[in-house]
Amino acid sequence: MSTHHAKAGEIVDLATWANDLPFEKSKAIVKSNGFELARLVIKAGEDMHKNGLCHVNGPTIFHCIEGEIDLQTSDTTVRLHAGQLAYLESQAKHAVTGIQDSVVLLTIVLT
């Protein structure tokens, strides 16, 4: 079964995302020519980048919907709580670690 990606104009209900947190996995919501939008499920203690800092080709927004994460960059580490977001420039090296079981909305603007 292929992953459903939202189409332009389709409603995506963010309010229900955290309801299935213990059972759900990360998944892409939208993939288009200009951006990607994904829901990341990050468990407490999980290091999303076990091999060190990574980067993506485009500005990136991490929006913490549920829980708490640490977002590490080359310069600093910030803690994001539910309802907070952080923006990184294209190619910014980063890593994400779950402090609590978390749901994060990840937006990448493709350049």
PDB file of N, CA and C in Angstrom:
ATOM      1  N   MET A   1       0.839  -1.174   0.000  1.00  0.00           N
ATOM      2  CA  MET A   1       0.000   0.000   0.000  1.00  0.00           C
ATOM      3  C   MET A   1       0.887   1.241   0.000  1.00  0.00           C
ATOM      4  N   SER A   2       0.659   2.164  -0.932  1.00  0.00           N
ATOM      5  CA  SER A   2       1.486   3.358  -1.011  1.00  0.00           C
ATOM      6  C   SER A   2       1.013   4.411  -0.015  1.00  0.00           C
ATOM      7  N   THR A   3       1.919   5.313   0.328  1.00  0.00           N
ATOM      8  CA  THR A   3       1.614   6.387   1.261  1.00  0.00           C
ATOM      9  C   THR A   3       0.744   7.419   0.579  1.00  0.00           C
ATOM     10  N   HIS A   4      -0.311   7.857   1.265  1.00  0.00           N
ATOM     11  CA  HIS A   4      -1.176   8.907   0.739  1.00  0.00           C
ATOM     12  C   HIS A   4      -0.512  10.254   0.990  1.00  0.00           C
ATOM     13  N   HIS A   5      -0.349  11.062  -0.042  1.00  0.00           N
ATOM     14  CA  HIS A   5       0.142  12.427   0.094  1.00  0.00           C
ATOM     15  C   HIS A   5      -1.037  13.362  -0.136  1.00  0.00           C
ATOM     16  N   ALA A   6      -1.156  14.377   0.709  1.00  0.00           N
ATOM     17  CA  ALA A   6      -2.249  15.339   0.581  1.00  0.00           C
ATOM     18  C   ALA A   6      -2.130  16.080  -0.745  1.00  0.00           C
ATOM     19  N   LYS A   7      -3.279  16.371  -1.322  1.00  0.00           N
ATOM     20  CA  LYS A   7      -3.339  17.130  -2.565  1.00  0.00           C
ATOM     21  C   LYS A   7      -3.629  18.588  -2.230  1.00  0.00           C
ATOM     22  N   ALA A   8      -3.347  19.482  -3.160  1.00  0.00           N
ATOM     23  CA  ALA A   8      -3.626  20.903  -2.965  1.00  0.00           C
ATOM     24  C   ALA A   8      -5.093  21.087  -2.586  1.00  0.00           C
ATOM     25  N   GLY A   9      -5.344  21.820  -1.529  1.00  0.00           N
ATOM     26  CA  GLY A   9      -6.699  22.080  -1.065  1.00  0.00           C
ATOM     27  C   GLY A   9      -7.260  21.042  -0.115  1.00  0.00           C
ATOM     28  N   GLU A  10      -6.580  19.916   0.047  1.00  0.00           N
ATOM     29  CA  GLU A  10      -7.053  18.863   0.946  1.00  0.00           C
ATOM     30  C   GLU A  10      -6.785  19.240   2.401  1.00  0.00           C
ATOM     31  N   ILE A  11      -7.739  18.976   3.267  1.00  0.00           N
ATOM     32  CA  ILE A  11      -7.594  19.273   4.690  1.00  0.00           C
ATOM     33  C   ILE A  11      -6.788  18.173   5.369  1.00  0.00           C
ATOM     34  N   VAL A  12      -5.793  18.596   6.154  1.00  0.00           N
ATOM     35  CA  VAL A  12      -5.003  17.687   6.982  1.00  0.00           C
ATOM     36  C   VAL A  12      -5.261  18.095   8.421  1.00  0.00           C
ATOM     37  N   ASP A  13      -5.801  17.201   9.231  1.00  0.00           N
ATOM     38  CA  ASP A  13      -6.196  17.509  10.603  1.00  0.00           C
ATOM     39  C   ASP A  13      -5.026  17.306  11.567  1.00  0.00           C
ATOM     40  N   LEU A  14      -4.357  18.402  11.927  1.00  0.00           N
ATOM     41  CA  LEU A  14      -3.221  18.324  12.840  1.00  0.00           C
ATOM     42  C   LEU A  14      -3.649  17.981  14.258  1.00  0.00           C
ATOM     43  N   ALA A  15      -4.881  18.308  14.634  1.00  0.00           N
ATOM     44  CA  ALA A  15      -5.347  18.081  16.004  1.00  0.00           C
ATOM     45  C   ALA A  15      -5.358  16.607  16.379  1.00  0.00           C
ATOM     46  N   THR A  16      -5.550  15.726  15.424  1.00  0.00           N
ATOM     47  CA  THR A  16      -5.634  14.296  15.740  1.00  0.00           C
ATOM     48  C   THR A  16      -4.293  13.580  15.610  1.00  0.00           C
ATOM     49  N   TRP A  17      -3.268  14.269  15.202  1.00  0.00           N
ATOM     50  CA  TRP A  17      -1.985  13.619  14.967  1.00  0.00           C
ATOM     51  C   TRP A  17      -1.413  12.938  16.181  1.00  0.00           C
ATOM     52  N   ALA A  18      -1.475  13.561  17.324  1.00  0.00           N
ATOM     53  CA  ALA A  18      -0.822  13.000  18.515  1.00  0.00           C
ATOM     54  C   ALA A  18      -1.634  11.879  19.153  1.00  0.00           C
ATOM     55  N   ASN A  19      -2.877  11.697  18.758  1.00  0.00           N
ATOM     56  CA  ASN A  19      -3.722  10.667  19.374  1.00  0.00           C
ATOM     57  C   ASN A  19      -3.158   9.269  19.216  1.00  0.00           C
ATOM     58  N   ASP A  20      -2.433   9.016  18.137  1.00  0.00           N
ATOM     59  CA  ASP A  20      -1.905   7.674  17.886  1.00  0.00           C
ATOM     60  C   ASP A  20      -0.395   7.615  18.082  1.00  0.00           C
ATOM     61  N   LEU A  21       0.153   8.566  18.826  1.00  0.00           N
ATOM     62  CA  LEU A  21       1.599   8.670  19.000  1.00  0.00           C
ATOM     63  C   LEU A  21       2.282   7.371  19.405  1.00  0.00           C
ATOM     64  N   PRO A  22       1.752   6.593  20.351  1.00  0.00           N
ATOM     65  CA  PRO A  22       2.486   5.380  20.736  1.00  0.00           C
ATOM     66  C   PRO A  22       2.597   4.344  19.610  1.00  0.00           C
ATOM     67  N   PHE A  23       1.737   4.423  18.606  1.00  0.00           N
ATOM     68  CA  PHE A  23       1.668   3.379  17.580  1.00  0.00           C
ATOM     69  C   PHE A  23       2.108   3.840  16.196  1.00  0.00           C
ATOM     70  N   GLU A  24       2.151   5.136  15.975  1.00  0.00           N
ATOM     71  CA  GLU A  24       2.339   5.669  14.629  1.00  0.00           C
ATOM     72  C   GLU A  24       3.812   5.831  14.289  1.00  0.00           C
ATOM     73  N   LYS A  25       4.057   5.944  13.000  1.00  0.00           N
ATOM     74  CA  LYS A  25       5.402   6.157  12.486  1.00  0.00           C
ATOM     75  C   LYS A  25       5.444   7.490  11.750  1.00  0.00           C
ATOM     76  N   SER A  26       6.650   7.932  11.449  1.00  0.00           N
ATOM     77  CA  SER A  26       6.821   9.147  10.658  1.00  0.00           C
ATOM     78  C   SER A  26       6.283   8.909   9.254  1.00  0.00           C
ATOM     79  N   LYS A  27       5.768   9.978   8.630  1.00  0.00           N
ATOM     80  CA  LYS A  27       5.261   9.828   7.268  1.00  0.00           C
ATOM     81  C   LYS A  27       5.237  11.164   6.549  1.00  0.00           C
ATOM     82  N   ALA A  28       5.415  11.110   5.243  1.00  0.00           N
ATOM     83  CA  ALA A  28       5.325  12.297   4.404  1.00  0.00           C
ATOM     84  C   ALA A  28       3.860  12.670   4.243  1.00  0.00           C
ATOM     85  N   ILE A  29       3.571  13.956   4.322  1.00  0.00           N
ATOM     86  CA  ILE A  29       2.205  14.442   4.116  1.00  0.00           C
ATOM     87  C   ILE A  29       2.076  15.002   2.706  1.00  0.00           C
ATOM     88  N   VAL A  30       3.027  15.863   2.320  1.00  0.00           N
ATOM     89  CA  VAL A  30       3.018  16.481   0.998  1.00  0.00           C
ATOM     90  C   VAL A  30       4.422  16.405   0.415  1.00  0.00           C
ATOM     91  N   LYS A  31       4.491  16.030  -0.845  1.00  0.00           N
ATOM     92  CA  LYS A  31       5.735  16.121  -1.610  1.00  0.00           C
ATOM     93  C   LYS A  31       5.379  16.830  -2.904  1.00  0.00           C
ATOM     94  N   SER A  32       5.977  17.998  -3.113  1.00  0.00           N
ATOM     95  CA  SER A  32       5.717  18.748  -4.338  1.00  0.00           C
ATOM     96  C   SER A  32       7.041  19.252  -4.889  1.00  0.00           C
ATOM     97  N   ASN A  33       6.976  19.980  -5.982  1.00  0.00           N
ATOM     98  CA  ASN A  33       8.201  20.520  -6.568  1.00  0.00           C
ATOM     99  C   ASN A  33       8.835  21.589  -5.694  1.00  0.00           C
ATOM    100  N   GLY A  34       8.036  22.268  -4.867  1.00  0.00           N
ATOM    101  CA  GLY A  34       8.549  23.389  -4.093  1.00  0.00           C
ATOM    102  C   GLY A  34       8.850  23.114  -2.636  1.00  0.00           C
ATOM    103  N   PHE A  35       8.187  22.103  -2.053  1.00  0.00           N
ATOM    104  CA  PHE A  35       8.422  21.830  -0.637  1.00  0.00           C
ATOM    105  C   PHE A  35       8.008  20.415  -0.277  1.00  0.00           C
ATOM    106  N   GLU A  36       8.480  19.987   0.889  1.00  0.00           N
ATOM    107  CA  GLU A  36       8.056  18.715   1.465  1.00  0.00           C
ATOM    108  C   GLU A  36       7.562  18.982   2.876  1.00  0.00           C
ATOM    109  N   LEU A  37       6.507  18.288   3.252  1.00  0.00           N
ATOM    110  CA  LEU A  37       5.925  18.403   4.582  1.00  0.00           C
ATOM    111  C   LEU A  37       5.801  16.994   5.139  1.00  0.00           C
ATOM    112  N   ALA A  38       6.361  16.773   6.321  1.00  0.00           N
ATOM    113  CA  ALA A  38       6.343  15.433   6.908  1.00  0.00           C
ATOM    114  C   ALA A  38       5.992  15.510   8.383  1.00  0.00           C
ATOM    115  N   ARG A  39       5.376  14.464   8.847  1.00  0.00           N
ATOM    116  CA  ARG A  39       5.089  14.281  10.264  1.00  0.00           C
ATOM    117  C   ARG A  39       6.155  13.331  10.795  1.00  0.00           C
ATOM    118  N   LEU A  40       6.923  13.781  11.777  1.00  0.00           N
ATOM    119  CA  LEU A  40       7.945  12.949  12.398  1.00  0.00           C
ATOM    120  C   LEU A  40       7.463  12.503  13.769  1.00  0.00           C
ATOM    121  N   VAL A  41       7.545  11.225  14.038  1.00  0.00           N
ATOM    122  CA  VAL A  41       7.274  10.692  15.369  1.00  0.00           C
ATOM    123  C   VAL A  41       8.633  10.369  15.974  1.00  0.00           C
ATOM    124  N   ILE A  42       8.948  11.031  17.073  1.00  0.00           N
ATOM    125  CA  ILE A  42      10.256  10.885  17.707  1.00  0.00           C
ATOM    126  C   ILE A  42      10.032  10.431  19.145  1.00  0.00           C
ATOM    127  N   LYS A  43      10.514   9.264  19.470  1.00  0.00           N
ATOM    128  CA  LYS A  43      10.350   8.708  20.820  1.00  0.00           C
ATOM    129  C   LYS A  43      11.336   9.364  21.790  1.00  0.00           C
ATOM    130  N   ALA A  44      10.988   9.381  23.070  1.00  0.00           N
ATOM    131  CA  ALA A  44      11.882   9.898  24.100  1.00  0.00           C
ATOM    132  C   ALA A  44      13.204   9.141  24.041  1.00  0.00           C
ATOM    133  N   GLY A  45      14.309   9.876  24.012  1.00  0.00           N
ATOM    134  CA  GLY A  45      15.630   9.265  23.956  1.00  0.00           C
ATOM    135  C   GLY A  45      16.110   8.918  22.559  1.00  0.00           C
ATOM    136  N   GLU A  46      15.237   8.998  21.566  1.00  0.00           N
ATOM    137  CA  GLU A  46      15.620   8.656  20.192  1.00  0.00           C
ATOM    138  C   GLU A  46      16.450   9.773  19.573  1.00  0.00           C
ATOM    139  N   ASP A  47      17.563   9.403  18.968  1.00  0.00           N
ATOM    140  CA  ASP A  47      18.421  10.330  18.245  1.00  0.00           C
ATOM    141  C   ASP A  47      18.165  10.107  16.761  1.00  0.00           C
ATOM    142  N   MET A  48      17.568  11.088  16.106  1.00  0.00           N
ATOM    143  CA  MET A  48      17.198  10.931  14.696  1.00  0.00           C
ATOM    144  C   MET A  48      18.416  10.886  13.771  1.00  0.00           C
ATOM    145  N   HIS A  49      19.550  11.328  14.256  1.00  0.00           N
ATOM    146  CA  HIS A  49      20.753  11.380  13.422  1.00  0.00           C
ATOM    147  C   HIS A  49      21.911  10.755  14.187  1.00  0.00           C
ATOM    148  N   LYS A  50      21.886   9.448  14.287  1.00  0.00           N
ATOM    149  CA  LYS A  50      22.863   8.703  15.092  1.00  0.00           C
ATOM    150  C   LYS A  50      24.307   8.888  14.618  1.00  0.00           C
ATOM    151  N   ASN A  51      24.478   9.223  13.358  1.00  0.00           N
ATOM    152  CA  ASN A  51      25.826   9.360  12.802  1.00  0.00           C
ATOM    153  C   ASN A  51      26.314  10.803  12.800  1.00  0.00           C
ATOM    154  N   GLY A  52      25.720  11.653  13.613  1.00  0.00           N
ATOM    155  CA  GLY A  52      26.156  13.044  13.689  1.00  0.00           C
ATOM    156  C   GLY A  52      25.194  13.986  13.000  1.00  0.00           C
ATOM    157  N   LEU A  53      25.635  15.211  12.815  1.00  0.00           N
ATOM    158  CA  LEU A  53      24.801  16.246  12.225  1.00  0.00           C
ATOM    159  C   LEU A  53      24.572  15.978  10.743  1.00  0.00           C
ATOM    160  N   CYS A  54      23.369  16.289  10.263  1.00  0.00           N
ATOM    161  CA  CYS A  54      23.041  16.144   8.844  1.00  0.00           C
ATOM    162  C   CYS A  54      22.574  17.494   8.315  1.00  0.00           C
ATOM    163  N   HIS A  55      22.272  17.571   7.030  1.00  0.00           N
ATOM    164  CA  HIS A  55      21.752  18.802   6.443  1.00  0.00           C
ATOM    165  C   HIS A  55      20.826  18.452   5.280  1.00  0.00           C
ATOM    166  N   VAL A  56      19.996  19.429   4.898  1.00  0.00           N
ATOM    167  CA  VAL A  56      19.106  19.254   3.746  1.00  0.00           C
ATOM    168  C   VAL A  56      19.281  20.443   2.809  1.00  0.00           C
ATOM    169  N   ASN A  57      18.905  20.240   1.545  1.00  0.00           N
ATOM    170  CA  ASN A  57      19.026  21.285   0.527  1.00  0.00           C
ATOM    171  C   ASN A  57      17.782  22.151   0.515  1.00  0.00           C
ATOM    172  N   GLY A  58      17.670  23.026   1.467  1.00  0.00           N
ATOM    173  CA  GLY A  58      16.554  23.953   1.536  1.00  0.00           C
ATOM    174  C   GLY A  58      16.314  24.399   2.961  1.00  0.00           C
ATOM    175  N   PRO A  59      15.754  25.602   3.122  1.00  0.00           N
ATOM    176  CA  PRO A  59      15.383  26.058   4.456  1.00  0.00           C
ATOM    177  C   PRO A  59      14.428  25.052   5.098  1.00  0.00           C
ATOM    178  N   THR A  60      14.556  24.870   6.406  1.00  0.00           N
ATOM    179  CA  THR A  60      13.820  23.825   7.114  1.00  0.00           C
ATOM    180  C   THR A  60      13.159  24.398   8.359  1.00  0.00           C
ATOM    181  N   ILE A  61      11.909  23.996   8.595  1.00  0.00           N
ATOM    182  CA  ILE A  61      11.177  24.416   9.789  1.00  0.00           C
ATOM    183  C   ILE A  61      10.798  23.172  10.578  1.00  0.00           C
ATOM    184  N   PHE A  62      11.131  23.165  11.863  1.00  0.00           N
ATOM    185  CA  PHE A  62      10.736  22.115  12.796  1.00  0.00           C
ATOM    186  C   PHE A  62       9.665  22.703  13.700  1.00  0.00           C
ATOM    187  N   HIS A  63       8.438  22.188  13.629  1.00  0.00           N
ATOM    188  CA  HIS A  63       7.321  22.669  14.444  1.00  0.00           C
ATOM    189  C   HIS A  63       6.914  21.541  15.382  1.00  0.00           C
ATOM    190  N   CYS A  64       7.178  21.716  16.659  1.00  0.00           N
ATOM    191  CA  CYS A  64       6.862  20.689  17.655  1.00  0.00           C
ATOM    192  C   CYS A  64       5.362  20.745  17.960  1.00  0.00           C
ATOM    193  N   ILE A  65       4.642  19.716  17.566  1.00  0.00           N
ATOM    194  CA  ILE A  65       3.194  19.647  17.768  1.00  0.00           C
ATOM    195  C   ILE A  65       2.871  19.065  19.139  1.00  0.00           C
ATOM    196  N   GLU A  66       3.614  18.042  19.528  1.00  0.00           N
ATOM    197  CA  GLU A  66       3.363  17.324  20.792  1.00  0.00           C
ATOM    198  C   GLU A  66       4.708  16.915  21.367  1.00  0.00           C
ATOM    199  N   GLY A  67       4.873  17.003  22.676  1.00  0.00           N
ATOM    200  CA  GLY A  67       6.090  16.531  23.329  1.00  0.00           C
ATOM    201  C   GLY A  67       7.159  17.595  23.427  1.00  0.00           C
ATOM    202  N   GLU A  68       8.414  17.139  23.352  1.00  0.00           N
ATOM    203  CA  GLU A  68       9.564  18.018  23.554  1.00  0.00           C
ATOM    204  C   GLU A  68      10.778  17.399  22.862  1.00  0.00           C
ATOM    205  N   ILE A  69      11.506  18.220  22.086  1.00  0.00           N
ATOM    206  CA  ILE A  69      12.700  17.745  21.378  1.00  0.00           C
ATOM    207  C   ILE A  69      13.860  18.718  21.588  1.00  0.00           C
ATOM    208  N   ASP A  70      15.070  18.215  21.409  1.00  0.00           N
ATOM    209  CA  ASP A  70      16.248  19.067  21.309  1.00  0.00           C
ATOM    210  C   ASP A  70      16.648  19.125  19.851  1.00  0.00           C
ATOM    211  N   LEU A  71      16.862  20.344  19.347  1.00  0.00           N
ATOM    212  CA  LEU A  71      17.338  20.578  17.988  1.00  0.00           C
ATOM    213  C   LEU A  71      18.760  21.118  18.102  1.00  0.00           C
ATOM    214  N   GLN A  72      19.708  20.309  17.684  1.00  0.00           N
ATOM    215  CA  GLN A  72      21.121  20.673  17.776  1.00  0.00           C
ATOM    216  C   GLN A  72      21.596  21.177  16.425  1.00  0.00           C
ATOM    217  N   THR A  73      22.331  22.289  16.439  1.00  0.00           N
ATOM    218  CA  THR A  73      22.991  22.790  15.240  1.00  0.00           C
ATOM    219  C   THR A  73      24.491  22.816  15.512  1.00  0.00           C
ATOM    220  N   SER A  74      25.249  23.288  14.546  1.00  0.00           N
ATOM    221  CA  SER A  74      26.698  23.379  14.733  1.00  0.00           C
ATOM    222  C   SER A  74      27.061  24.326  15.870  1.00  0.00           C
ATOM    223  N   ASP A  75      26.187  25.306  16.129  1.00  0.00           N
ATOM    224  CA  ASP A  75      26.478  26.354  17.107  1.00  0.00           C
ATOM    225  C   ASP A  75      25.832  26.166  18.470  1.00  0.00           C
ATOM    226  N   THR A  76      24.658  25.541  18.512  1.00  0.00           N
ATOM    227  CA  THR A  76      23.888  25.526  19.752  1.00  0.00           C
ATOM    228  C   THR A  76      22.882  24.381  19.763  1.00  0.00           C
ATOM    229  N   THR A  77      22.246  24.196  20.897  1.00  0.00           N
ATOM    230  CA  THR A  77      21.118  23.272  21.022  1.00  0.00           C
ATOM    231  C   THR A  77      19.960  24.040  21.634  1.00  0.00           C
ATOM    232  N   VAL A  78      18.777  23.923  21.008  1.00  0.00           N
ATOM    233  CA  VAL A  78      17.574  24.555  21.553  1.00  0.00           C
ATOM    234  C   VAL A  78      16.556  23.472  21.863  1.00  0.00           C
ATOM    235  N   ARG A  79      15.771  23.694  22.894  1.00  0.00           N
ATOM    236  CA  ARG A  79      14.717  22.757  23.265  1.00  0.00           C
ATOM    237  C   ARG A  79      13.388  23.323  22.775  1.00  0.00           C
ATOM    238  N   LEU A  80      12.694  22.531  21.956  1.00  0.00           N
ATOM    239  CA  LEU A  80      11.377  22.923  21.458  1.00  0.00           C
ATOM    240  C   LEU A  80      10.308  22.173  22.229  1.00  0.00           C
ATOM    241  N   HIS A  81       9.317  22.914  22.712  1.00  0.00           N
ATOM    242  CA  HIS A  81       8.166  22.348  23.411  1.00  0.00           C
ATOM    243  C   HIS A  81       6.966  22.388  22.466  1.00  0.00           C
ATOM    244  N   ALA A  82       5.909  21.675  22.803  1.00  0.00           N
ATOM    245  CA  ALA A  82       4.690  21.675  21.987  1.00  0.00           C
ATOM    246  C   ALA A  82       4.257  23.116  21.720  1.00  0.00           C
ATOM    247  N   GLY A  83       3.977  23.406  20.453  1.00  0.00           N
ATOM    248  CA  GLY A  83       3.539  24.735  20.057  1.00  0.00           C
ATOM    249  C   GLY A  83       4.667  25.653  19.614  1.00  0.00           C
ATOM    250  N   GLN A  84       5.914  25.211  19.730  1.00  0.00           N
ATOM    251  CA  GLN A  84       7.049  26.037  19.328  1.00  0.00           C
ATOM    252  C   GLN A  84       7.649  25.522  18.025  1.00  0.00           C
ATOM    253  N   LEU A  85       8.326  26.436  17.293  1.00  0.00           N
ATOM    254  CA  LEU A  85       9.009  26.031  16.075  1.00  0.00           C
ATOM    255  C   LEU A  85      10.354  26.723  15.972  1.00  0.00           C
ATOM    256  N   ALA A  86      11.213  26.166  15.139  1.00  0.00           N
ATOM    257  CA  ALA A  86      12.520  26.752  14.848  1.00  0.00           C
ATOM    258  C   ALA A  86      12.797  26.599  13.359  1.00  0.00           C
ATOM    259  N   TYR A  87      13.504  27.571  12.809  1.00  0.00           N
ATOM    260  CA  TYR A  87      13.823  27.635  11.386  1.00  0.00           C
ATOM    261  C   TYR A  87      15.327  27.507  11.194  1.00  0.00           C
ATOM    262  N   LEU A  88      15.747  26.728  10.217  1.00  0.00           N
ATOM    263  CA  LEU A  88      17.162  26.600   9.871  1.00  0.00           C
ATOM    264  C   LEU A  88      17.361  26.967   8.406  1.00  0.00           C
ATOM    265  N   GLU A  89      18.475  27.610   8.122  1.00  0.00           N
ATOM    266  CA  GLU A  89      18.826  27.942   6.738  1.00  0.00           C
ATOM    267  C   GLU A  89      19.170  26.667   5.969  1.00  0.00           C
ATOM    268  N   SER A  90      19.126  26.751   4.661  1.00  0.00           N
ATOM    269  CA  SER A  90      19.526  25.639   3.805  1.00  0.00           C
ATOM    270  C   SER A  90      20.948  25.209   4.141  1.00  0.00           C
ATOM    271  N   GLN A  91      21.183  23.916   4.153  1.00  0.00           N
ATOM    272  CA  GLN A  91      22.487  23.313   4.417  1.00  0.00           C
ATOM    273  C   GLN A  91      22.939  23.412   5.874  1.00  0.00           C
ATOM    274  N   ALA A  92      22.105  23.954   6.766  1.00  0.00           N
ATOM    275  CA  ALA A  92      22.489  24.044   8.183  1.00  0.00           C
ATOM    276  C   ALA A  92      22.590  22.634   8.763  1.00  0.00           C
ATOM    277  N   LYS A  93      23.707  22.326   9.356  1.00  0.00           N
ATOM    278  CA  LYS A  93      23.892  21.008   9.966  1.00  0.00           C
ATOM    279  C   LYS A  93      23.071  20.943  11.248  1.00  0.00           C
ATOM    280  N   HIS A  94      22.378  19.803  11.436  1.00  0.00           N
ATOM    281  CA  HIS A  94      21.492  19.679  12.593  1.00  0.00           C
ATOM    282  C   HIS A  94      21.291  18.221  12.981  1.00  0.00           C
ATOM    283  N   ALA A  95      20.768  18.041  14.183  1.00  0.00           N
ATOM    284  CA  ALA A  95      20.357  16.728  14.686  1.00  0.00           C
ATOM    285  C   ALA A  95      19.166  16.951  15.606  1.00  0.00           C
ATOM    286  N   VAL A  96      18.309  15.940  15.728  1.00  0.00           N
ATOM    287  CA  VAL A  96      17.108  16.030  16.561  1.00  0.00           C
ATOM    288  C   VAL A  96      17.091  14.858  17.534  1.00  0.00           C
ATOM    289  N   THR A  97      16.808  15.158  18.802  1.00  0.00           N
ATOM    290  CA  THR A  97      16.701  14.133  19.836  1.00  0.00           C
ATOM    291  C   THR A  97      15.386  14.315  20.577  1.00  0.00           C
ATOM    292  N   GLY A  98      14.656  13.232  20.784  1.00  0.00           N
ATOM    293  CA  GLY A  98      13.413  13.285  21.544  1.00  0.00           C
ATOM    294  C   GLY A  98      13.698  13.368  23.040  1.00  0.00           C
ATOM    295  N   ILE A  99      13.117  14.340  23.694  1.00  0.00           N
ATOM    296  CA  ILE A  99      13.192  14.458  25.150  1.00  0.00           C
ATOM    297  C   ILE A  99      11.981  13.747  25.747  1.00  0.00           C
ATOM    298  N   GLN A 100      10.823  13.956  25.121  1.00  0.00           N
ATOM    299  CA  GLN A 100       9.591  13.221  25.422  1.00  0.00           C
ATOM    300  C   GLN A 100       9.137  12.584  24.111  1.00  0.00           C
ATOM    301  N   ASP A 101       8.205  11.639  24.171  1.00  0.00           N
ATOM    302  CA  ASP A 101       7.581  11.157  22.938  1.00  0.00           C
ATOM    303  C   ASP A 101       6.984  12.375  22.244  1.00  0.00           C
ATOM    304  N   SER A 102       7.307  12.561  20.973  1.00  0.00           N
ATOM    305  CA  SER A 102       6.971  13.812  20.294  1.00  0.00           C
ATOM    306  C   SER A 102       6.458  13.599  18.881  1.00  0.00           C
ATOM    307  N   VAL A 103       5.677  14.568  18.425  1.00  0.00           N
ATOM    308  CA  VAL A 103       5.258  14.665  17.031  1.00  0.00           C
ATOM    309  C   VAL A 103       5.751  16.015  16.529  1.00  0.00           C
ATOM    310  N   VAL A 104       6.467  15.994  15.412  1.00  0.00           N
ATOM    311  CA  VAL A 104       7.046  17.208  14.843  1.00  0.00           C
ATOM    312  C   VAL A 104       6.592  17.337  13.396  1.00  0.00           C
ATOM    313  N   LEU A 105       6.164  18.531  13.031  1.00  0.00           N
ATOM    314  CA  LEU A 105       5.832  18.841  11.648  1.00  0.00           C
ATOM    315  C   LEU A 105       7.090  19.424  11.011  1.00  0.00           C
ATOM    316  N   LEU A 106       7.621  18.745  10.013  1.00  0.00           N
ATOM    317  CA  LEU A 106       8.857  19.152   9.344  1.00  0.00           C
ATOM    318  C   LEU A 106       8.512  19.704   7.966  1.00  0.00           C
ATOM    319  N   THR A 107       8.939  20.934   7.698  1.00  0.00           N
ATOM    320  CA  THR A 107       8.737  21.558   6.391  1.00  0.00           C
ATOM    321  C   THR A 107      10.097  21.865   5.787  1.00  0.00           C
ATOM    322  N   ILE A 108      10.315  21.398   4.567  1.00  0.00           N
ATOM    323  CA  ILE A 108      11.552  21.675   3.841  1.00  0.00           C
ATOM    324  C   ILE A 108      11.177  22.399   2.552  1.00  0.00           C
ATOM    325  N   VAL A 109      11.714  23.610   2.373  1.00  0.00           N
ATOM    326  CA  VAL A 109      11.515  24.351   1.135  1.00  0.00           C
ATOM    327  C   VAL A 109      12.626  23.919   0.189  1.00  0.00           C
ATOM    328  N   LEU A 110      12.249  23.300  -0.921  1.00  0.00           N
ATOM    329  CA  LEU A 110      13.234  22.747  -1.850  1.00  0.00           C
ATOM    330  C   LEU A 110      13.830  23.847  -2.719  1.00  0.00           C
ATOM    331  N   THR A 111      15.161  23.852  -2.790  1.00  0.00           N
ATOM    332  CA  THR A 111      15.844  24.886  -3.575  1.00  0.00           C
ATOM    333  C   THR A 111      16.628  24.253  -4.702  1.00  0.00           C
TER     334      THR A 111
END
